[in-house]
N, C-alpha and C. Protein backbone atom coordinates (compact mmCIF):
# COMPACT_ATOMS: atom_id res chain seq x y z
N MET A 1 35.28 5.51 64.25
CA MET A 1 33.88 5.72 63.89
C MET A 1 33.47 4.72 62.81
N ARG A 2 32.23 4.31 62.87
CA ARG A 2 31.68 3.36 61.90
C ARG A 2 30.53 4.01 61.13
N CYS A 3 30.35 3.53 59.92
CA CYS A 3 29.21 3.97 59.11
C CYS A 3 27.93 3.42 59.74
N VAL A 4 26.94 4.28 59.90
CA VAL A 4 25.68 3.85 60.51
C VAL A 4 24.87 2.95 59.57
N GLU A 5 25.18 2.96 58.28
CA GLU A 5 24.45 2.14 57.31
C GLU A 5 25.03 0.74 57.18
N CYS A 6 26.38 0.66 57.01
CA CYS A 6 26.98 -0.64 56.71
C CYS A 6 28.00 -1.11 57.74
N GLY A 7 28.39 -0.25 58.68
CA GLY A 7 29.35 -0.64 59.71
C GLY A 7 30.80 -0.49 59.30
N ASN A 8 31.05 -0.07 58.07
CA ASN A 8 32.42 0.12 57.59
C ASN A 8 33.14 1.17 58.42
N GLU A 9 34.44 0.98 58.63
CA GLU A 9 35.22 1.93 59.42
C GLU A 9 35.96 2.96 58.57
N SER A 10 35.87 2.84 57.27
CA SER A 10 36.58 3.77 56.38
C SER A 10 35.67 4.94 56.01
N LEU A 11 35.71 5.97 56.84
CA LEU A 11 34.93 7.18 56.60
C LEU A 11 35.88 8.30 56.19
N HIS A 12 35.46 9.08 55.20
CA HIS A 12 36.30 10.17 54.70
C HIS A 12 35.60 11.50 54.94
N PRO A 13 36.34 12.52 55.39
CA PRO A 13 35.73 13.84 55.54
C PRO A 13 35.53 14.48 54.17
N VAL A 14 34.40 15.13 54.00
CA VAL A 14 34.09 15.84 52.76
C VAL A 14 33.76 17.29 53.12
N ALA A 15 34.49 18.23 52.53
CA ALA A 15 34.23 19.66 52.78
C ALA A 15 32.98 20.08 52.02
N VAL A 16 32.06 20.74 52.73
CA VAL A 16 30.83 21.22 52.14
C VAL A 16 30.57 22.62 52.66
N ASP A 17 30.46 23.58 51.75
CA ASP A 17 30.18 24.96 52.15
C ASP A 17 31.08 25.37 53.32
N GLN A 18 30.50 25.54 54.49
CA GLN A 18 31.25 26.02 55.66
C GLN A 18 31.55 24.92 56.67
N GLY A 19 31.51 23.65 56.28
CA GLY A 19 31.71 22.59 57.24
C GLY A 19 32.14 21.29 56.59
N PHE A 20 31.98 20.21 57.34
CA PHE A 20 32.39 18.89 56.87
C PHE A 20 31.31 17.86 57.17
N VAL A 21 31.25 16.83 56.33
CA VAL A 21 30.44 15.65 56.58
C VAL A 21 31.36 14.44 56.43
N SER A 22 30.90 13.29 56.89
CA SER A 22 31.65 12.05 56.72
C SER A 22 30.97 11.22 55.65
N GLU A 23 31.77 10.65 54.77
CA GLU A 23 31.24 9.80 53.70
C GLU A 23 31.88 8.43 53.80
N CYS A 24 31.05 7.40 53.77
CA CYS A 24 31.53 6.03 53.84
C CYS A 24 32.17 5.65 52.50
N ALA A 25 33.38 5.11 52.57
CA ALA A 25 34.09 4.71 51.35
C ALA A 25 33.48 3.46 50.72
N LEU A 26 32.71 2.72 51.50
CA LEU A 26 32.13 1.47 50.98
C LEU A 26 30.75 1.69 50.37
N CYS A 27 29.81 2.24 51.15
CA CYS A 27 28.43 2.35 50.67
C CYS A 27 28.04 3.76 50.22
N GLY A 28 28.88 4.76 50.53
CA GLY A 28 28.59 6.13 50.10
C GLY A 28 27.66 6.90 51.02
N HIS A 29 27.26 6.31 52.13
CA HIS A 29 26.38 7.00 53.08
C HIS A 29 27.06 8.26 53.59
N VAL A 30 26.30 9.34 53.72
CA VAL A 30 26.81 10.62 54.19
C VAL A 30 26.20 10.91 55.55
N ASP A 31 27.05 11.30 56.50
CA ASP A 31 26.59 11.58 57.85
C ASP A 31 27.16 12.92 58.31
N GLY A 32 26.36 13.68 59.03
CA GLY A 32 26.80 14.98 59.54
C GLY A 32 25.60 15.88 59.76
N PRO A 33 25.85 17.18 59.90
CA PRO A 33 24.73 18.12 60.08
C PRO A 33 23.74 18.02 58.91
N GLY A 34 22.45 18.01 59.24
CA GLY A 34 21.40 17.79 58.24
C GLY A 34 21.48 18.66 57.01
N GLU A 35 21.71 19.95 57.20
CA GLU A 35 21.75 20.88 56.06
C GLU A 35 22.92 20.56 55.13
N LEU A 36 24.08 20.19 55.71
CA LEU A 36 25.25 19.86 54.89
C LEU A 36 25.06 18.53 54.18
N VAL A 37 24.46 17.56 54.87
CA VAL A 37 24.18 16.27 54.24
C VAL A 37 23.23 16.47 53.06
N GLU A 38 22.21 17.29 53.26
CA GLU A 38 21.25 17.57 52.18
C GLU A 38 21.95 18.20 50.98
N ARG A 39 22.90 19.09 51.23
CA ARG A 39 23.65 19.74 50.14
C ARG A 39 24.46 18.72 49.36
N VAL A 40 25.16 17.82 50.08
CA VAL A 40 25.96 16.77 49.42
C VAL A 40 25.05 15.89 48.56
N LEU A 41 23.90 15.49 49.11
CA LEU A 41 22.97 14.63 48.37
C LEU A 41 22.40 15.35 47.16
N ASP A 42 22.12 16.67 47.29
CA ASP A 42 21.63 17.45 46.15
C ASP A 42 22.68 17.52 45.05
N VAL A 43 23.94 17.71 45.43
CA VAL A 43 25.02 17.76 44.43
C VAL A 43 25.12 16.42 43.70
N ARG A 44 25.05 15.34 44.45
CA ARG A 44 25.08 14.00 43.83
C ARG A 44 23.92 13.82 42.86
N GLU A 45 22.72 14.17 43.34
CA GLU A 45 21.52 14.01 42.52
C GLU A 45 21.62 14.85 41.25
N ALA A 46 22.11 16.08 41.39
CA ALA A 46 22.26 16.97 40.24
C ALA A 46 23.17 16.32 39.19
N ARG A 47 24.30 15.83 39.63
CA ARG A 47 25.25 15.22 38.69
C ARG A 47 24.67 13.96 38.06
N GLU A 48 23.96 13.15 38.86
CA GLU A 48 23.33 11.93 38.32
C GLU A 48 22.30 12.27 37.26
N ARG A 49 21.60 13.39 37.43
CA ARG A 49 20.54 13.78 36.49
C ARG A 49 21.07 14.65 35.36
N GLY A 50 22.38 14.96 35.37
CA GLY A 50 23.00 15.70 34.28
C GLY A 50 22.89 17.22 34.40
N PHE A 51 22.70 17.73 35.62
CA PHE A 51 22.60 19.17 35.84
C PHE A 51 23.79 19.67 36.64
N ASP A 52 24.15 20.92 36.42
CA ASP A 52 25.16 21.57 37.24
C ASP A 52 24.57 21.78 38.63
N PRO A 53 25.31 21.46 39.69
CA PRO A 53 24.78 21.63 41.05
C PRO A 53 24.38 23.08 41.38
N LEU A 54 24.96 24.05 40.70
CA LEU A 54 24.63 25.45 40.95
C LEU A 54 23.19 25.78 40.54
N VAL A 55 22.70 25.19 39.46
CA VAL A 55 21.36 25.48 38.96
C VAL A 55 20.33 24.45 39.45
N TYR A 56 20.80 23.34 40.00
CA TYR A 56 19.90 22.25 40.35
C TYR A 56 18.82 22.60 41.39
N PRO A 57 19.09 23.38 42.43
CA PRO A 57 17.99 23.71 43.36
C PRO A 57 16.82 24.40 42.65
N LEU A 58 17.10 25.27 41.69
CA LEU A 58 16.03 25.92 40.93
C LEU A 58 15.33 24.91 40.02
N VAL A 59 16.08 24.02 39.41
CA VAL A 59 15.49 22.96 38.57
C VAL A 59 14.51 22.13 39.40
N LYS A 60 14.91 21.75 40.62
CA LYS A 60 14.05 20.94 41.49
C LYS A 60 12.75 21.67 41.83
N VAL A 61 12.84 22.94 42.18
CA VAL A 61 11.64 23.70 42.53
C VAL A 61 10.71 23.79 41.34
N LEU A 62 11.24 24.12 40.18
CA LEU A 62 10.39 24.25 38.99
C LEU A 62 9.77 22.91 38.61
N ALA A 63 10.54 21.84 38.72
CA ALA A 63 10.03 20.51 38.35
C ALA A 63 8.91 20.04 39.27
N GLU A 64 8.84 20.59 40.48
CA GLU A 64 7.77 20.22 41.42
C GLU A 64 6.47 20.95 41.14
N LEU A 65 6.50 21.98 40.30
CA LEU A 65 5.29 22.74 40.00
C LEU A 65 4.39 21.92 39.08
N PRO A 66 3.09 21.90 39.34
CA PRO A 66 2.16 21.12 38.52
C PRO A 66 2.22 21.55 37.05
N GLY A 67 2.40 20.58 36.19
CA GLY A 67 2.35 20.86 34.76
C GLY A 67 3.65 21.38 34.16
N ILE A 68 4.69 21.56 34.94
CA ILE A 68 5.96 22.07 34.40
C ILE A 68 6.96 20.93 34.32
N ARG A 69 7.55 20.79 33.14
CA ARG A 69 8.58 19.76 32.92
C ARG A 69 9.85 20.46 32.46
N VAL A 70 10.89 20.39 33.29
CA VAL A 70 12.17 21.00 32.95
C VAL A 70 12.84 20.13 31.89
N THR A 71 13.25 20.77 30.78
CA THR A 71 13.86 20.03 29.68
C THR A 71 15.36 20.26 29.55
N ALA A 72 15.85 21.37 30.10
CA ALA A 72 17.29 21.66 30.05
C ALA A 72 17.60 22.77 31.04
N ALA A 73 18.84 22.83 31.47
CA ALA A 73 19.26 23.90 32.37
C ALA A 73 20.77 24.05 32.30
N MET A 74 21.22 25.27 32.45
CA MET A 74 22.66 25.51 32.54
C MET A 74 22.91 26.59 33.58
N ALA A 75 24.02 26.44 34.29
CA ALA A 75 24.36 27.37 35.37
C ALA A 75 25.03 28.63 34.85
N GLY A 76 25.41 28.64 33.61
CA GLY A 76 26.10 29.79 33.05
C GLY A 76 27.60 29.58 33.05
N ASP A 77 28.28 30.35 32.19
CA ASP A 77 29.73 30.26 32.05
C ASP A 77 30.27 31.65 31.72
N PRO A 78 30.78 32.37 32.74
CA PRO A 78 31.27 33.74 32.50
C PRO A 78 32.39 33.81 31.46
N GLU A 79 33.24 32.81 31.45
CA GLU A 79 34.37 32.83 30.52
C GLU A 79 33.92 32.84 29.06
N HIS A 80 32.84 32.11 28.78
CA HIS A 80 32.34 32.02 27.41
C HIS A 80 31.11 32.89 27.16
N GLY A 81 30.68 33.61 28.19
CA GLY A 81 29.58 34.55 28.01
C GLY A 81 28.19 33.95 28.05
N PHE A 82 28.05 32.75 28.62
CA PHE A 82 26.74 32.12 28.72
C PHE A 82 26.11 32.44 30.06
N SER A 83 24.89 32.99 30.04
CA SER A 83 24.19 33.27 31.29
C SER A 83 23.40 32.04 31.72
N PRO A 84 23.04 31.97 33.01
CA PRO A 84 22.23 30.84 33.46
C PRO A 84 20.86 30.84 32.78
N ALA A 85 20.29 29.65 32.61
CA ALA A 85 18.96 29.54 32.00
C ALA A 85 18.37 28.18 32.34
N VAL A 86 17.05 28.16 32.47
CA VAL A 86 16.31 26.90 32.67
C VAL A 86 15.20 26.86 31.63
N GLN A 87 15.20 25.82 30.82
CA GLN A 87 14.18 25.64 29.79
C GLN A 87 13.14 24.65 30.29
N PHE A 88 11.86 24.97 30.06
CA PHE A 88 10.80 24.07 30.52
C PHE A 88 9.62 24.10 29.56
N GLU A 89 8.78 23.08 29.69
CA GLU A 89 7.54 22.98 28.91
C GLU A 89 6.36 22.94 29.86
N ILE A 90 5.21 23.29 29.33
CA ILE A 90 3.96 23.22 30.09
C ILE A 90 3.19 22.01 29.58
N ALA A 91 2.90 21.09 30.51
CA ALA A 91 2.16 19.88 30.15
C ALA A 91 0.68 20.08 30.44
N ASP A 92 -0.14 19.43 29.66
CA ASP A 92 -1.58 19.39 29.89
C ASP A 92 -2.21 20.78 30.03
N ARG A 93 -1.65 21.74 29.32
CA ARG A 93 -2.19 23.11 29.34
C ARG A 93 -2.34 23.67 30.75
N ARG A 94 -1.38 23.39 31.61
CA ARG A 94 -1.40 23.85 33.00
C ARG A 94 -0.77 25.25 33.08
N PHE A 95 -1.35 26.19 32.36
CA PHE A 95 -0.79 27.53 32.32
C PHE A 95 -0.97 28.29 33.63
N ASP A 96 -1.81 27.78 34.54
CA ASP A 96 -1.94 28.42 35.84
C ASP A 96 -0.61 28.40 36.59
N SER A 97 0.16 27.33 36.43
CA SER A 97 1.49 27.27 37.06
C SER A 97 2.42 28.31 36.45
N LEU A 98 2.32 28.52 35.16
CA LEU A 98 3.15 29.54 34.51
C LEU A 98 2.80 30.93 35.02
N VAL A 99 1.52 31.22 35.15
CA VAL A 99 1.09 32.53 35.66
C VAL A 99 1.61 32.73 37.08
N LYS A 100 1.49 31.73 37.93
CA LYS A 100 1.97 31.84 39.31
C LYS A 100 3.48 32.00 39.34
N LEU A 101 4.18 31.30 38.46
CA LEU A 101 5.63 31.44 38.37
C LEU A 101 5.99 32.88 38.00
N LEU A 102 5.26 33.47 37.06
CA LEU A 102 5.54 34.85 36.62
C LEU A 102 5.25 35.86 37.73
N VAL A 103 4.18 35.65 38.49
CA VAL A 103 3.89 36.53 39.63
C VAL A 103 5.01 36.43 40.65
N SER A 104 5.42 35.21 40.94
CA SER A 104 6.50 34.99 41.89
C SER A 104 7.79 35.65 41.40
N LEU A 105 8.07 35.52 40.14
CA LEU A 105 9.28 36.10 39.55
C LEU A 105 9.27 37.62 39.65
N THR A 106 8.11 38.22 39.50
CA THR A 106 7.99 39.67 39.64
C THR A 106 8.41 40.10 41.04
N MET A 107 8.01 39.34 42.05
CA MET A 107 8.38 39.66 43.42
C MET A 107 9.88 39.41 43.66
N ILE A 108 10.39 38.31 43.13
CA ILE A 108 11.80 37.95 43.33
C ILE A 108 12.72 38.96 42.66
N ASN A 109 12.30 39.50 41.53
CA ASN A 109 13.15 40.44 40.79
C ASN A 109 13.49 41.69 41.62
N ARG A 110 12.72 41.98 42.65
CA ARG A 110 13.04 43.12 43.52
C ARG A 110 14.33 42.88 44.29
N GLU A 111 14.66 41.60 44.53
CA GLU A 111 15.86 41.24 45.29
C GLU A 111 17.01 40.79 44.40
N ALA A 112 16.70 40.29 43.24
CA ALA A 112 17.71 39.67 42.38
C ALA A 112 18.68 40.71 41.83
N ARG A 113 19.87 40.25 41.53
CA ARG A 113 20.89 41.14 40.99
C ARG A 113 20.68 41.39 39.50
N GLY A 114 20.03 40.44 38.83
CA GLY A 114 19.68 40.61 37.43
C GLY A 114 18.16 40.70 37.32
N ARG A 115 17.68 41.05 36.15
CA ARG A 115 16.23 41.07 35.90
C ARG A 115 15.89 39.79 35.17
N TRP A 116 15.17 38.89 35.84
CA TRP A 116 14.87 37.58 35.29
C TRP A 116 13.53 37.62 34.55
N VAL A 117 13.50 36.96 33.41
CA VAL A 117 12.31 36.93 32.56
C VAL A 117 12.05 35.49 32.11
N VAL A 118 10.83 35.27 31.63
CA VAL A 118 10.48 34.01 30.98
C VAL A 118 10.15 34.34 29.54
N GLU A 119 10.89 33.72 28.62
CA GLU A 119 10.64 33.92 27.20
C GLU A 119 10.03 32.65 26.61
N ALA A 120 9.13 32.83 25.67
CA ALA A 120 8.53 31.70 24.96
C ALA A 120 9.30 31.47 23.67
N GLU A 121 9.54 30.20 23.33
CA GLU A 121 10.23 29.84 22.09
C GLU A 121 9.46 28.69 21.44
N LEU A 122 9.46 28.68 20.15
CA LEU A 122 8.85 27.57 19.43
C LEU A 122 9.97 26.70 18.89
N GLN A 123 10.10 25.51 19.46
CA GLN A 123 11.06 24.53 18.98
C GLN A 123 10.22 23.40 18.40
N ARG A 124 10.36 22.17 18.88
CA ARG A 124 9.43 21.10 18.46
C ARG A 124 8.03 21.49 18.88
N ASP A 125 7.95 21.95 20.13
CA ASP A 125 6.71 22.41 20.73
C ASP A 125 6.99 23.77 21.34
N LEU A 126 5.98 24.34 21.95
CA LEU A 126 6.16 25.60 22.66
C LEU A 126 6.94 25.31 23.95
N CYS A 127 8.03 26.04 24.16
CA CYS A 127 8.78 25.89 25.40
C CYS A 127 9.09 27.28 25.95
N PHE A 128 9.50 27.30 27.19
CA PHE A 128 9.77 28.55 27.89
C PHE A 128 11.18 28.51 28.45
N VAL A 129 11.81 29.68 28.55
CA VAL A 129 13.15 29.77 29.09
C VAL A 129 13.17 30.85 30.17
N LEU A 130 13.56 30.46 31.37
CA LEU A 130 13.75 31.38 32.48
C LEU A 130 15.21 31.78 32.46
N LYS A 131 15.48 33.09 32.31
CA LYS A 131 16.86 33.56 32.22
C LYS A 131 16.92 35.04 32.54
N PRO A 132 18.13 35.56 32.77
CA PRO A 132 18.24 37.00 32.97
C PRO A 132 17.98 37.72 31.65
N ARG A 133 17.35 38.88 31.74
CA ARG A 133 17.09 39.67 30.53
C ARG A 133 18.42 40.04 29.91
N LEU A 134 18.53 39.81 28.62
CA LEU A 134 19.77 40.08 27.90
C LEU A 134 19.96 41.56 27.64
N SER A 135 21.19 41.96 27.71
CA SER A 135 21.55 43.33 27.37
C SER A 135 21.54 43.47 25.85
N PRO A 136 21.19 44.66 25.35
CA PRO A 136 21.24 44.84 23.90
C PRO A 136 22.66 44.69 23.35
N ARG A 137 23.64 44.98 24.21
CA ARG A 137 25.05 44.84 23.80
C ARG A 137 25.65 43.65 24.55
N PHE A 138 26.13 42.70 23.79
CA PHE A 138 26.81 41.57 24.41
C PHE A 138 28.30 41.90 24.37
N ASP A 139 28.85 42.22 25.55
CA ASP A 139 30.24 42.63 25.61
C ASP A 139 30.87 42.15 26.91
N ASP A 140 32.07 42.63 27.21
CA ASP A 140 32.76 42.20 28.43
C ASP A 140 32.00 42.61 29.69
N GLU A 141 31.27 43.73 29.64
CA GLU A 141 30.48 44.15 30.79
C GLU A 141 29.39 43.11 31.08
N TRP A 142 28.77 42.60 30.02
CA TRP A 142 27.76 41.55 30.19
C TRP A 142 28.38 40.30 30.79
N LYS A 143 29.52 39.89 30.28
CA LYS A 143 30.21 38.71 30.80
C LYS A 143 30.52 38.89 32.29
N ALA A 144 30.89 40.09 32.68
CA ALA A 144 31.24 40.37 34.07
C ALA A 144 30.02 40.24 35.00
N ARG A 145 28.82 40.36 34.47
CA ARG A 145 27.60 40.26 35.28
C ARG A 145 27.14 38.81 35.49
N ILE A 146 27.66 37.88 34.73
CA ILE A 146 27.21 36.49 34.79
C ILE A 146 27.40 35.89 36.19
N PRO A 147 28.51 36.12 36.90
CA PRO A 147 28.59 35.59 38.27
C PRO A 147 27.46 36.09 39.18
N ALA A 148 27.02 37.32 39.00
CA ALA A 148 25.89 37.84 39.80
C ALA A 148 24.62 37.09 39.44
N PHE A 149 24.43 36.79 38.15
CA PHE A 149 23.27 36.00 37.73
C PHE A 149 23.34 34.60 38.35
N GLN A 150 24.54 34.04 38.42
CA GLN A 150 24.70 32.72 39.02
C GLN A 150 24.34 32.75 40.51
N GLU A 151 24.69 33.84 41.19
CA GLU A 151 24.31 33.99 42.59
C GLU A 151 22.79 34.07 42.74
N ASP A 152 22.13 34.65 41.75
CA ASP A 152 20.67 34.75 41.78
C ASP A 152 19.98 33.38 41.76
N LEU A 153 20.64 32.36 41.22
CA LEU A 153 20.01 31.04 41.12
C LEU A 153 19.55 30.53 42.48
N ALA A 154 20.38 30.68 43.50
CA ALA A 154 20.00 30.23 44.84
C ALA A 154 18.84 31.06 45.38
N LEU A 155 18.86 32.37 45.14
CA LEU A 155 17.77 33.24 45.57
C LEU A 155 16.47 32.83 44.88
N LEU A 156 16.52 32.60 43.58
CA LEU A 156 15.33 32.20 42.84
C LEU A 156 14.75 30.90 43.40
N ALA A 157 15.61 29.92 43.64
CA ALA A 157 15.14 28.63 44.17
C ALA A 157 14.51 28.81 45.55
N ARG A 158 15.20 29.55 46.42
CA ARG A 158 14.71 29.73 47.80
C ARG A 158 13.39 30.48 47.83
N ARG A 159 13.30 31.60 47.12
CA ARG A 159 12.07 32.40 47.13
C ARG A 159 10.92 31.69 46.41
N MET A 160 11.24 30.97 45.34
CA MET A 160 10.20 30.24 44.62
C MET A 160 9.62 29.16 45.53
N ARG A 161 10.49 28.45 46.26
CA ARG A 161 10.01 27.43 47.19
C ARG A 161 9.14 28.06 48.28
N GLN A 162 9.57 29.22 48.81
CA GLN A 162 8.77 29.91 49.82
C GLN A 162 7.42 30.34 49.25
N ASN A 163 7.42 30.88 48.06
CA ASN A 163 6.18 31.37 47.45
C ASN A 163 5.19 30.26 47.16
N THR A 164 5.69 29.06 46.83
CA THR A 164 4.77 27.96 46.52
C THR A 164 4.01 27.48 47.76
N SER A 165 4.47 27.88 48.94
CA SER A 165 3.76 27.49 50.16
C SER A 165 2.78 28.57 50.63
N LEU A 166 2.72 29.70 49.96
CA LEU A 166 1.82 30.78 50.34
C LEU A 166 0.40 30.53 49.85
N SER A 167 -0.58 31.14 50.51
CA SER A 167 -1.98 30.89 50.19
C SER A 167 -2.34 31.31 48.76
N TRP A 168 -1.83 32.42 48.28
CA TRP A 168 -2.17 32.87 46.93
C TRP A 168 -1.70 31.87 45.88
N TRP A 169 -0.60 31.16 46.14
CA TRP A 169 -0.11 30.20 45.17
C TRP A 169 -1.02 28.99 45.14
N ASN A 170 -1.46 28.55 46.29
CA ASN A 170 -2.25 27.31 46.38
C ASN A 170 -3.74 27.52 46.14
N LYS A 171 -4.17 28.76 46.02
CA LYS A 171 -5.58 29.04 45.79
C LYS A 171 -5.97 28.50 44.41
N GLY A 172 -7.01 27.71 44.39
CA GLY A 172 -7.54 27.19 43.13
C GLY A 172 -6.77 26.00 42.59
N SER A 173 -5.79 25.48 43.34
CA SER A 173 -5.03 24.33 42.84
C SER A 173 -5.77 23.04 43.09
């Protein structure tokens, strides 16, 4: 087999989720089923932009919303007790995107394993943090819930992307 981009014959199989894609050792082109290729490219893009691939689909969805600029994100770390979180700012007073995000989050929370909230913080400027609601007690039980919060990241990204295509989201935009 040859690479469709450069003609190189050195292709390596790469395991992705439930399947495999071929990656060219020379130019890096990825070939295979579309969904798996997209996943490999998303992982690459996440790493290039300095994000954990687990949180990156949610980062991408939020960054596409008008007026929202993602400033930081972490996928969480159960061993150290860090829950997932995405920090963002609102540019040009585009608070309509924040309101729509909150409405969408209310709907998503019915399915999510954790209760996700947006908190406002004053740092250099006003910023917002999307994260699971913290327990009043930070203990081993809380740490044990972090993998469930990490699973919610994919749900949040998928449902948020679906909601942004609905008529109520696009009304008045």
